[in-house]
Amino acid sequence: MSRPEYTAPPEIIQRELTERCLELLNLPDGSPSLILDVGCGSGLSGEAISNKGHFWIGFDISHDMLGEGYCNAIESEFKFHLIKVNRNNFYVFLKPPYGNEKPVIVEVAEERDCEGDLLLQDMGHGVPFQPGTFDGVISVSALQWICNQDKSSHNPVKRMKRFFTTLYSSMAHGARAVFQFYPDGPEQMQLITQQAMKCGFTGGIVIDYPNSTRAKKIFLCLFAGVVGNVPKGKADVSESTNQTSAAFTRADRRQQARRNKRTSVKSKDWIIKKKESRRKKLGQDSVKSDSKYTGRKRPTKF
């Protein structure tokens, strides 16, 4: 899959992907919403969110991406930390950190003059906000990094479980989360989707331009607390008949498990395969020839 940063300036690509994520969020018109930007980087996605009239909070694991202006970790004995959003009279509550590592509140990067507030946080440590805080969640080109095992203590499955569990809790009932990401392959895409479903989400994969090598984009669209219809991906006229979205349900997982189930032992196909294997190892005369009775089940009664 072609990475966008190899084909165009990052500002343009980031804005286009963010606008597509906001489109998939399907936020109500006429009223500003509070959006969480996971892996916000230097705030390129936040600019597109602000242009749509919404408020946003972003977090990223890289201090260099967030900027130089930062504050020390908050120390408080209260259950929640009160932080101000967008320099207006709007507040959210920040949970105490998980584990031994403390999240750091970061001021807006001066060189970009972002309108949102930034948090230095690893998504694998969870989303440190109180339940029902966000009306929507977006992420551009970041979700695939949670599968990396950068330290010996990192367990990708456990990190995904913590991330999706706390993310589900921090979202309002009926809110959506849209992740644009670059999976290494179908196995990684399926792993991420399954972990999200185990944490309570519904939804599935949305693919824009599935038959294009350069324009193909993959989105994970999740619903919190409701069973929604997965949006359809964009397609060219020649691709209009192809499937561009895939909803993952429990029935689909059961059906896939049945398809992947190994052939039952001592079936006719299994017996013939074993006999052929022994003939190759021990010679043709070492195993009896096949007949119409090979692998036939005997009746329960004579």
C-alpha atoms as a PDB file:
ATOM      1  CA  MET A   1       0.000   0.000   0.000  1.00  0.00           C
ATOM      2  CA  SER A   2       1.317   3.436  -0.940  1.00  0.00           C
ATOM      3  CA  ARG A   3       2.113   5.670   2.012  1.00  0.00           C
ATOM      4  CA  PRO A   4       0.774   9.224   1.492  1.00  0.00           C
ATOM      5  CA  GLU A   5       3.884  10.980   2.779  1.00  0.00           C
ATOM      6  CA  TYR A   6       5.779   9.588  -0.233  1.00  0.00           C
ATOM      7  CA  THR A   7       3.416  11.174  -2.762  1.00  0.00           C
ATOM      8  CA  ALA A   8       2.394  14.614  -1.432  1.00  0.00           C
ATOM      9  CA  PRO A   9       3.182  17.173   1.296  1.00  0.00           C
ATOM     10  CA  PRO A  10       2.107  15.881   4.730  1.00  0.00           C
ATOM     11  CA  GLU A  11      -0.084  18.939   5.414  1.00  0.00           C
ATOM     12  CA  ILE A  12      -2.287  18.214   2.393  1.00  0.00           C
ATOM     13  CA  ILE A  13      -2.544  14.470   2.964  1.00  0.00           C
ATOM     14  CA  GLN A  14      -3.171  14.861   6.703  1.00  0.00           C
ATOM     15  CA  ARG A  15      -5.955  17.351   6.073  1.00  0.00           C
ATOM     16  CA  GLU A  16      -7.631  15.106   3.494  1.00  0.00           C
ATOM     17  CA  LEU A  17      -7.473  12.039   5.746  1.00  0.00           C
ATOM     18  CA  THR A  18      -8.766  14.009   8.744  1.00  0.00           C
ATOM     19  CA  GLU A  19     -11.690  15.368   6.743  1.00  0.00           C
ATOM     20  CA  ARG A  20     -12.512  11.827   5.651  1.00  0.00           C
ATOM     21  CA  CYS A  21     -12.408  10.646   9.281  1.00  0.00           C
ATOM     22  CA  LEU A  22     -14.737  13.485  10.292  1.00  0.00           C
ATOM     23  CA  GLU A  23     -17.070  12.515   7.470  1.00  0.00           C
ATOM     24  CA  LEU A  24     -17.209   8.939   8.779  1.00  0.00           C
ATOM     25  CA  LEU A  25     -17.841  10.223  12.318  1.00  0.00           C
ATOM     26  CA  ASN A  26     -21.148  11.661  11.049  1.00  0.00           C
ATOM     27  CA  LEU A  27     -21.283  14.344  13.752  1.00  0.00           C
ATOM     28  CA  PRO A  28     -24.478  16.419  14.091  1.00  0.00           C
ATOM     29  CA  ASP A  29     -24.515  19.683  12.153  1.00  0.00           C
ATOM     30  CA  GLY A  30     -24.805  23.049  13.834  1.00  0.00           C
ATOM     31  CA  SER A  31     -23.293  22.182  17.216  1.00  0.00           C
ATOM     32  CA  PRO A  32     -19.586  21.864  18.095  1.00  0.00           C
ATOM     33  CA  SER A  33     -18.379  18.520  19.434  1.00  0.00           C
ATOM     34  CA  LEU A  34     -15.423  17.506  21.561  1.00  0.00           C
ATOM     35  CA  ILE A  35     -13.127  15.165  19.627  1.00  0.00           C
ATOM     36  CA  LEU A  36     -10.139  13.121  20.748  1.00  0.00           C
ATOM     37  CA  ASP A  37      -7.238  12.907  18.287  1.00  0.00           C
ATOM     38  CA  VAL A  38      -5.171   9.777  18.990  1.00  0.00           C
ATOM     39  CA  GLY A  39      -1.585  10.148  17.763  1.00  0.00           C
ATOM     40  CA  CYS A  40      -2.090  13.834  17.033  1.00  0.00           C
ATOM     41  CA  GLY A  41       1.598  14.562  16.297  1.00  0.00           C
ATOM     42  CA  SER A  42       2.232  18.271  15.754  1.00  0.00           C
ATOM     43  CA  GLY A  43      -1.460  19.120  15.410  1.00  0.00           C
ATOM     44  CA  LEU A  44      -2.029  18.881  11.655  1.00  0.00           C
ATOM     45  CA  SER A  45      -5.246  16.919  12.146  1.00  0.00           C
ATOM     46  CA  GLY A  46      -6.358  19.336  14.848  1.00  0.00           C
ATOM     47  CA  GLU A  47      -6.289  22.231  12.406  1.00  0.00           C
ATOM     48  CA  ALA A  48      -8.777  20.432  10.169  1.00  0.00           C
ATOM     49  CA  ILE A  49     -10.968  19.705  13.217  1.00  0.00           C
ATOM     50  CA  SER A  50     -10.897  23.360  14.281  1.00  0.00           C
ATOM     51  CA  ASN A  51     -11.798  24.458  10.753  1.00  0.00           C
ATOM     52  CA  LYS A  52     -14.983  22.382  11.065  1.00  0.00           C
ATOM     53  CA  GLY A  53     -15.912  24.256  14.240  1.00  0.00           C
ATOM     54  CA  HIS A  54     -15.189  21.481  16.754  1.00  0.00           C
ATOM     55  CA  PHE A  55     -13.092  21.396  19.927  1.00  0.00           C
ATOM     56  CA  TRP A  56     -10.371  18.806  20.281  1.00  0.00           C
ATOM     57  CA  ILE A  57      -7.815  17.246  22.582  1.00  0.00           C
ATOM     58  CA  GLY A  58      -4.911  15.254  21.197  1.00  0.00           C
ATOM     59  CA  PHE A  59      -2.266  12.991  22.632  1.00  0.00           C
ATOM     60  CA  ASP A  60       0.911  11.538  21.198  1.00  0.00           C
ATOM     61  CA  ILE A  61       3.808   9.446  22.474  1.00  0.00           C
ATOM     62  CA  SER A  62       6.452  11.693  20.892  1.00  0.00           C
ATOM     63  CA  HIS A  63       7.451  14.815  22.806  1.00  0.00           C
ATOM     64  CA  ASP A  64       9.330  16.088  19.737  1.00  0.00           C
ATOM     65  CA  MET A  65       6.120  15.993  17.698  1.00  0.00           C
ATOM     66  CA  LEU A  66       4.098  17.839  20.322  1.00  0.00           C
ATOM     67  CA  GLY A  67       6.563  20.709  20.696  1.00  0.00           C
ATOM     68  CA  GLU A  68       8.925  22.226  23.213  1.00  0.00           C
ATOM     69  CA  GLY A  69       6.450  23.959  25.521  1.00  0.00           C
ATOM     70  CA  TYR A  70       5.379  21.514  28.210  1.00  0.00           C
ATOM     71  CA  CYS A  71       4.533  21.383  31.887  1.00  0.00           C
ATOM     72  CA  ASN A  72       5.622  18.914  34.514  1.00  0.00           C
ATOM     73  CA  ALA A  73       3.381  15.998  35.398  1.00  0.00           C
ATOM     74  CA  ILE A  74       0.399  17.037  37.479  1.00  0.00           C
ATOM     75  CA  GLU A  75       0.574  15.936  41.091  1.00  0.00           C
ATOM     76  CA  SER A  76      -2.730  15.849  42.885  1.00  0.00           C
ATOM     77  CA  GLU A  77      -4.532  13.764  45.460  1.00  0.00           C
ATOM     78  CA  PHE A  78      -7.879  14.288  43.764  1.00  0.00           C
ATOM     79  CA  LYS A  79      -9.490  11.520  41.786  1.00  0.00           C
ATOM     80  CA  PHE A  80      -9.700  13.616  38.634  1.00  0.00           C
ATOM     81  CA  HIS A  81      -7.607  16.512  37.318  1.00  0.00           C
ATOM     82  CA  LEU A  82      -9.489  19.494  35.911  1.00  0.00           C
ATOM     83  CA  ILE A  83      -8.020  20.869  32.679  1.00  0.00           C
ATOM     84  CA  LYS A  84      -9.230  23.677  30.455  1.00  0.00           C
ATOM     85  CA  VAL A  85      -9.931  23.052  26.783  1.00  0.00           C
ATOM     86  CA  ASN A  86      -9.358  25.584  24.005  1.00  0.00           C
ATOM     87  CA  ARG A  87      -8.955  28.551  26.375  1.00  0.00           C
ATOM     88  CA  ASN A  88     -12.747  28.783  26.702  1.00  0.00           C
ATOM     89  CA  ASN A  89     -15.072  28.062  29.588  1.00  0.00           C
ATOM     90  CA  PHE A  90     -15.121  24.364  28.797  1.00  0.00           C
ATOM     91  CA  TYR A  91     -13.593  21.758  31.042  1.00  0.00           C
ATOM     92  CA  VAL A  92     -12.957  18.029  31.072  1.00  0.00           C
ATOM     93  CA  PHE A  93     -11.693  15.732  33.782  1.00  0.00           C
ATOM     94  CA  LEU A  94      -8.431  13.867  33.421  1.00  0.00           C
ATOM     95  CA  LYS A  95      -8.143  10.539  35.207  1.00  0.00           C
ATOM     96  CA  PRO A  96      -5.079   9.646  37.244  1.00  0.00           C
ATOM     97  CA  PRO A  97      -2.526   7.758  35.124  1.00  0.00           C
ATOM     98  CA  TYR A  98      -2.357   4.002  34.792  1.00  0.00           C
ATOM     99  CA  GLY A  99       0.754   2.228  36.002  1.00  0.00           C
ATOM    100  CA  ASN A 100       3.838   4.066  37.171  1.00  0.00           C
ATOM    101  CA  GLU A 101       4.201   6.416  34.207  1.00  0.00           C
ATOM    102  CA  LYS A 102       2.430   9.762  34.532  1.00  0.00           C
ATOM    103  CA  PRO A 103       0.844  11.580  31.597  1.00  0.00           C
ATOM    104  CA  VAL A 104       2.176  15.075  30.979  1.00  0.00           C
ATOM    105  CA  ILE A 105      -0.036  17.989  30.028  1.00  0.00           C
ATOM    106  CA  VAL A 106       1.602  19.762  27.090  1.00  0.00           C
ATOM    107  CA  GLU A 107       0.940  23.340  26.052  1.00  0.00           C
ATOM    108  CA  VAL A 108      -0.027  24.123  22.501  1.00  0.00           C
ATOM    109  CA  ALA A 109       2.939  24.052  20.131  1.00  0.00           C
ATOM    110  CA  GLU A 110       3.859  27.692  19.610  1.00  0.00           C
ATOM    111  CA  GLU A 111       5.107  27.272  16.071  1.00  0.00           C
ATOM    112  CA  ARG A 112       1.802  25.812  14.850  1.00  0.00           C
ATOM    113  CA  ASP A 113      -0.507  27.920  17.022  1.00  0.00           C
ATOM    114  CA  CYS A 114      -2.913  24.986  17.498  1.00  0.00           C
ATOM    115  CA  GLU A 115      -6.294  25.609  19.084  1.00  0.00           C
ATOM    116  CA  GLY A 116      -6.492  22.271  20.870  1.00  0.00           C
ATOM    117  CA  ASP A 117      -4.795  20.962  23.987  1.00  0.00           C
ATOM    118  CA  LEU A 118      -2.122  18.282  23.818  1.00  0.00           C
ATOM    119  CA  LEU A 119      -1.222  15.417  26.104  1.00  0.00           C
ATOM    120  CA  LEU A 120       1.999  13.410  26.172  1.00  0.00           C
ATOM    121  CA  GLN A 121       0.676   9.850  26.460  1.00  0.00           C
ATOM    122  CA  ASP A 122       1.235   6.361  25.050  1.00  0.00           C
ATOM    123  CA  MET A 123      -1.983   4.874  23.671  1.00  0.00           C
ATOM    124  CA  GLY A 124      -0.900   1.491  25.033  1.00  0.00           C
ATOM    125  CA  HIS A 125      -1.217   2.932  28.562  1.00  0.00           C
ATOM    126  CA  GLY A 126      -4.881   3.762  28.035  1.00  0.00           C
ATOM    127  CA  VAL A 127      -7.010   6.849  27.500  1.00  0.00           C
ATOM    128  CA  PRO A 128      -6.922   8.840  30.774  1.00  0.00           C
ATOM    129  CA  PHE A 129     -10.286  10.618  30.632  1.00  0.00           C
ATOM    130  CA  GLN A 130     -13.471  10.173  32.580  1.00  0.00           C
ATOM    131  CA  PRO A 131     -16.405   8.216  31.084  1.00  0.00           C
ATOM    132  CA  GLY A 132     -18.511   9.876  28.409  1.00  0.00           C
ATOM    133  CA  THR A 133     -16.092  12.729  27.706  1.00  0.00           C
ATOM    134  CA  PHE A 134     -15.785  12.632  23.907  1.00  0.00           C
ATOM    135  CA  ASP A 135     -18.393  12.927  21.163  1.00  0.00           C
ATOM    136  CA  GLY A 136     -16.040  11.325  18.658  1.00  0.00           C
ATOM    137  CA  VAL A 137     -12.531   9.940  18.222  1.00  0.00           C
ATOM    138  CA  ILE A 138     -10.252  10.066  15.188  1.00  0.00           C
ATOM    139  CA  SER A 139      -6.740   8.828  14.475  1.00  0.00           C
ATOM    140  CA  VAL A 140      -4.639   9.245  11.338  1.00  0.00           C
ATOM    141  CA  SER A 141      -1.724   6.902  10.575  1.00  0.00           C
ATOM    142  CA  ALA A 142      -1.136   5.913  14.216  1.00  0.00           C
ATOM    143  CA  LEU A 143      -3.095   2.802  15.210  1.00  0.00           C
ATOM    144  CA  GLN A 144      -0.689   0.338  13.567  1.00  0.00           C
ATOM    145  CA  TRP A 145       2.108   1.352  15.975  1.00  0.00           C
ATOM    146  CA  ILE A 146       0.290  -0.230  18.922  1.00  0.00           C
ATOM    147  CA  CYS A 147       1.218  -3.623  17.440  1.00  0.00           C
ATOM    148  CA  ASN A 148       4.945  -2.870  17.755  1.00  0.00           C
ATOM    149  CA  GLN A 149       6.867  -4.446  20.603  1.00  0.00           C
ATOM    150  CA  ASP A 150       9.437  -1.720  21.264  1.00  0.00           C
ATOM    151  CA  LYS A 151      10.253  -2.958  24.775  1.00  0.00           C
ATOM    152  CA  SER A 152      10.525  -6.402  26.304  1.00  0.00           C
ATOM    153  CA  SER A 153       7.650  -5.499  28.624  1.00  0.00           C
ATOM    154  CA  HIS A 154       5.338  -4.619  25.729  1.00  0.00           C
ATOM    155  CA  ASN A 155       2.599  -7.115  24.940  1.00  0.00           C
ATOM    156  CA  PRO A 156       0.650  -5.861  21.884  1.00  0.00           C
ATOM    157  CA  VAL A 157      -2.540  -7.739  22.786  1.00  0.00           C
ATOM    158  CA  LYS A 158      -2.554  -6.421  26.370  1.00  0.00           C
ATOM    159  CA  ARG A 159      -1.775  -2.899  25.165  1.00  0.00           C
ATOM    160  CA  MET A 160      -4.657  -3.053  22.673  1.00  0.00           C
ATOM    161  CA  LYS A 161      -6.992  -4.337  25.377  1.00  0.00           C
ATOM    162  CA  ARG A 162      -6.125  -1.456  27.701  1.00  0.00           C
ATOM    163  CA  PHE A 163      -6.391   1.102  24.924  1.00  0.00           C
ATOM    164  CA  PHE A 164      -9.768  -0.034  23.560  1.00  0.00           C
ATOM    165  CA  THR A 165     -11.257  -0.636  27.019  1.00  0.00           C
ATOM    166  CA  THR A 166     -10.415   2.849  28.278  1.00  0.00           C
ATOM    167  CA  LEU A 167     -11.320   4.410  24.921  1.00  0.00           C
ATOM    168  CA  TYR A 168     -14.765   2.800  25.056  1.00  0.00           C
ATOM    169  CA  SER A 169     -15.274   4.194  28.550  1.00  0.00           C
ATOM    170  CA  SER A 170     -14.229   7.739  27.584  1.00  0.00           C
ATOM    171  CA  MET A 171     -16.704   7.956  24.679  1.00  0.00           C
ATOM    172  CA  ALA A 172     -20.295   9.118  24.911  1.00  0.00           C
ATOM    173  CA  HIS A 173     -23.042   6.588  24.249  1.00  0.00           C
ATOM    174  CA  GLY A 174     -23.524   6.234  20.505  1.00  0.00           C
ATOM    175  CA  ALA A 175     -20.277   8.017  19.619  1.00  0.00           C
ATOM    176  CA  ARG A 176     -18.009   6.797  16.830  1.00  0.00           C
ATOM    177  CA  ALA A 177     -14.274   6.264  16.598  1.00  0.00           C
ATOM    178  CA  VAL A 178     -12.583   6.275  13.189  1.00  0.00           C
ATOM    179  CA  PHE A 179      -8.984   5.103  12.783  1.00  0.00           C
ATOM    180  CA  GLN A 180      -7.142   5.478   9.493  1.00  0.00           C
ATOM    181  CA  PHE A 181      -4.170   3.126   9.631  1.00  0.00           C
ATOM    182  CA  TYR A 182      -1.717   1.044   7.599  1.00  0.00           C
ATOM    183  CA  PRO A 183      -1.819  -2.606   8.705  1.00  0.00           C
ATOM    184  CA  ASP A 184       1.106  -4.855   7.826  1.00  0.00           C
ATOM    185  CA  GLY A 185      -1.338  -7.394   6.446  1.00  0.00           C
ATOM    186  CA  PRO A 186      -4.790  -8.973   6.821  1.00  0.00           C
ATOM    187  CA  GLU A 187      -3.704 -10.767  10.008  1.00  0.00           C
ATOM    188  CA  GLN A 188      -2.817  -7.523  11.795  1.00  0.00           C
ATOM    189  CA  MET A 189      -5.991  -5.834  10.589  1.00  0.00           C
ATOM    190  CA  GLN A 190      -8.064  -8.751  11.870  1.00  0.00           C
ATOM    191  CA  LEU A 191      -6.208  -8.792  15.202  1.00  0.00           C
ATOM    192  CA  ILE A 192      -6.872  -5.097  15.847  1.00  0.00           C
ATOM    193  CA  THR A 193     -10.531  -5.428  14.862  1.00  0.00           C
ATOM    194  CA  GLN A 194     -11.089  -8.480  17.058  1.00  0.00           C
ATOM    195  CA  GLN A 195      -9.512  -6.812  20.101  1.00  0.00           C
ATOM    196  CA  ALA A 196     -11.785  -3.791  19.635  1.00  0.00           C
ATOM    197  CA  MET A 197     -14.866  -6.021  19.424  1.00  0.00           C
ATOM    198  CA  LYS A 198     -13.870  -7.878  22.591  1.00  0.00           C
ATOM    199  CA  CYS A 199     -13.825  -4.551  24.451  1.00  0.00           C
ATOM    200  CA  GLY A 200     -17.452  -3.784  23.583  1.00  0.00           C
ATOM    201  CA  PHE A 201     -17.235  -1.953  20.261  1.00  0.00           C
ATOM    202  CA  THR A 202     -19.239  -2.792  17.170  1.00  0.00           C
ATOM    203  CA  GLY A 203     -18.427  -1.780  13.611  1.00  0.00           C
ATOM    204  CA  GLY A 204     -15.912  -2.895  11.032  1.00  0.00           C
ATOM    205  CA  ILE A 205     -13.472  -2.013   8.285  1.00  0.00           C
ATOM    206  CA  VAL A 206     -14.114   0.649   5.645  1.00  0.00           C
ATOM    207  CA  ILE A 207     -11.901   0.644   2.550  1.00  0.00           C
ATOM    208  CA  ASP A 208     -11.691   3.564   0.150  1.00  0.00           C
ATOM    209  CA  TYR A 209     -10.684   2.732  -3.446  1.00  0.00           C
ATOM    210  CA  PRO A 210      -9.928  -0.958  -2.716  1.00  0.00           C
ATOM    211  CA  ASN A 211      -8.626  -1.692  -6.223  1.00  0.00           C
ATOM    212  CA  SER A 212      -6.179   1.218  -6.321  1.00  0.00           C
ATOM    213  CA  THR A 213      -2.587   0.760  -5.166  1.00  0.00           C
ATOM    214  CA  ARG A 214      -1.919   4.445  -4.506  1.00  0.00           C
ATOM    215  CA  ALA A 215      -5.331   5.727  -3.381  1.00  0.00           C
ATOM    216  CA  LYS A 216      -6.381   2.777  -1.209  1.00  0.00           C
ATOM    217  CA  LYS A 217      -7.086   3.781   2.397  1.00  0.00           C
ATOM    218  CA  ILE A 218      -8.231   1.590   5.281  1.00  0.00           C
ATOM    219  CA  PHE A 219     -10.408   2.862   8.144  1.00  0.00           C
ATOM    220  CA  LEU A 220     -11.573   1.099  11.277  1.00  0.00           C
ATOM    221  CA  CYS A 221     -15.007   2.503  12.154  1.00  0.00           C
ATOM    222  CA  LEU A 222     -16.189   1.669  15.695  1.00  0.00           C
ATOM    223  CA  PHE A 223     -19.460   2.364  17.521  1.00  0.00           C
ATOM    224  CA  ALA A 224     -19.705   2.738  21.303  1.00  0.00           C
ATOM    225  CA  GLY A 225     -22.848   1.378  22.928  1.00  0.00           C
ATOM    226  CA  VAL A 226     -24.904   0.929  19.751  1.00  0.00           C
ATOM    227  CA  VAL A 227     -25.003  -1.410  16.770  1.00  0.00           C
ATOM    228  CA  GLY A 228     -24.594   0.858  13.764  1.00  0.00           C
ATOM    229  CA  ASN A 229     -24.328   0.312  10.041  1.00  0.00           C
ATOM    230  CA  VAL A 230     -20.748   0.412   8.795  1.00  0.00           C
ATOM    231  CA  PRO A 231     -20.391   3.229   6.237  1.00  0.00           C
ATOM    232  CA  LYS A 232     -19.538   2.378   2.659  1.00  0.00           C
ATOM    233  CA  GLY A 233     -16.082   3.174   1.342  1.00  0.00           C
ATOM    234  CA  LYS A 234     -15.434   5.447  -1.599  1.00  0.00           C
ATOM    235  CA  ALA A 235     -15.008   3.805  -4.965  1.00  0.00           C
ATOM    236  CA  ASP A 236     -14.518   4.773  -8.597  1.00  0.00           C
ATOM    237  CA  VAL A 237     -17.264   4.086 -11.093  1.00  0.00           C
ATOM    238  CA  SER A 238     -15.465   0.932 -12.211  1.00  0.00           C
ATOM    239  CA  GLU A 239     -15.249  -0.209  -8.595  1.00  0.00           C
ATOM    240  CA  SER A 240     -18.851   0.496  -7.612  1.00  0.00           C
ATOM    241  CA  THR A 241     -19.789  -3.178  -7.616  1.00  0.00           C
ATOM    242  CA  ASN A 242     -16.952  -4.208  -5.297  1.00  0.00           C
ATOM    243  CA  GLN A 243     -17.347  -4.514  -1.558  1.00  0.00           C
ATOM    244  CA  THR A 244     -15.741  -1.541   0.202  1.00  0.00           C
ATOM    245  CA  SER A 245     -16.783  -2.209   3.785  1.00  0.00           C
ATOM    246  CA  ALA A 246     -16.757  -5.236   6.035  1.00  0.00           C
ATOM    247  CA  ALA A 247     -18.701  -5.556   9.263  1.00  0.00           C
ATOM    248  CA  PHE A 248     -17.346  -7.976  11.822  1.00  0.00           C
ATOM    249  CA  THR A 249     -20.014  -9.642  13.956  1.00  0.00           C
ATOM    250  CA  ARG A 250     -19.984 -12.608  16.305  1.00  0.00           C
ATOM    251  CA  ALA A 251     -21.730 -14.713  13.667  1.00  0.00           C
ATOM    252  CA  ASP A 252     -18.967 -13.868  11.172  1.00  0.00           C
ATOM    253  CA  ARG A 253     -16.282 -14.903  13.657  1.00  0.00           C
ATOM    254  CA  ARG A 254     -18.044 -18.207  14.370  1.00  0.00           C
ATOM    255  CA  GLN A 255     -18.420 -18.888  10.666  1.00  0.00           C
ATOM    256  CA  GLN A 256     -14.757 -18.113  10.052  1.00  0.00           C
ATOM    257  CA  ALA A 257     -13.735 -20.398  12.906  1.00  0.00           C
ATOM    258  CA  ARG A 258     -15.735 -23.229  11.335  1.00  0.00           C
ATOM    259  CA  ARG A 259     -14.047 -22.632   7.978  1.00  0.00           C
ATOM    260  CA  ASN A 260     -10.611 -22.680   9.566  1.00  0.00           C
ATOM    261  CA  LYS A 261     -11.349 -25.813  11.555  1.00  0.00           C
ATOM    262  CA  ARG A 262      -9.014 -28.652  10.650  1.00  0.00           C
ATOM    263  CA  THR A 263     -10.299 -31.763   8.925  1.00  0.00           C
ATOM    264  CA  SER A 264     -11.646 -34.276  11.402  1.00  0.00           C
ATOM    265  CA  VAL A 265      -9.251 -37.092  12.265  1.00  0.00           C
ATOM    266  CA  LYS A 266      -9.907 -40.456  10.592  1.00  0.00           C
ATOM    267  CA  SER A 267     -12.119 -39.054   7.856  1.00  0.00           C
ATOM    268  CA  LYS A 268     -11.669 -40.523   4.395  1.00  0.00           C
ATOM    269  CA  ASP A 269      -9.500 -37.630   3.184  1.00  0.00           C
ATOM    270  CA  TRP A 270      -7.349 -37.856   6.300  1.00  0.00           C
ATOM    271  CA  ILE A 271      -6.859 -41.632   5.891  1.00  0.00           C
ATOM    272  CA  ILE A 272      -5.895 -41.345   2.223  1.00  0.00           C
ATOM    273  CA  LYS A 273      -3.458 -38.554   3.013  1.00  0.00           C
ATOM    274  CA  LYS A 274      -1.814 -40.600   5.773  1.00  0.00           C
ATOM    275  CA  LYS A 275      -1.536 -43.671   3.530  1.00  0.00           C
ATOM    276  CA  GLU A 276       0.113 -41.639   0.775  1.00  0.00           C
ATOM    277  CA  SER A 277       2.567 -40.228   3.292  1.00  0.00           C
ATOM    278  CA  ARG A 278       3.526 -43.709   4.531  1.00  0.00           C
ATOM    279  CA  ARG A 279       3.929 -44.990   0.968  1.00  0.00           C
ATOM    280  CA  LYS A 280       6.439 -42.235   0.271  1.00  0.00           C
ATOM    281  CA  LYS A 281       8.393 -43.026   3.409  1.00  0.00           C
ATOM    282  CA  LEU A 282       8.207 -46.860   3.518  1.00  0.00           C
ATOM    283  CA  GLY A 283       7.410 -47.846  -0.057  1.00  0.00           C
ATOM    284  CA  GLN A 284       4.308 -48.743  -2.016  1.00  0.00           C
ATOM    285  CA  ASP A 285       4.063 -52.302  -0.644  1.00  0.00           C
ATOM    286  CA  SER A 286       4.064 -51.190   2.990  1.00  0.00           C
ATOM    287  CA  VAL A 287       0.446 -49.924   2.841  1.00  0.00           C
ATOM    288  CA  LYS A 288      -2.639 -51.688   1.531  1.00  0.00           C
ATOM    289  CA  SER A 289      -4.178 -50.370  -1.670  1.00  0.00           C
ATOM    290  CA  ASP A 290      -7.152 -48.040  -1.563  1.00  0.00           C
ATOM    291  CA  SER A 291     -10.612 -49.461  -2.204  1.00  0.00           C
ATOM    292  CA  LYS A 292     -14.261 -48.437  -2.024  1.00  0.00           C
ATOM    293  CA  TYR A 293     -14.212 -49.463   1.622  1.00  0.00           C
ATOM    294  CA  THR A 294     -11.384 -47.091   2.549  1.00  0.00           C
ATOM    295  CA  GLY A 295     -12.584 -44.651   5.201  1.00  0.00           C
ATOM    296  CA  ARG A 296     -16.131 -46.022   5.198  1.00  0.00           C
ATOM    297  CA  LYS A 297     -17.839 -45.900   8.567  1.00  0.00           C
ATOM    298  CA  ARG A 298     -19.132 -49.147   9.963  1.00  0.00           C
ATOM    299  CA  PRO A 299     -22.787 -49.323  10.966  1.00  0.00           C
ATOM    300  CA  THR A 300     -23.499 -49.073  14.709  1.00  0.00           C
ATOM    301  CA  LYS A 301     -25.307 -52.442  14.629  1.00  0.00           C
ATOM    302  CA  PHE A 302     -24.679 -55.565  12.611  1.00  0.00           C
END
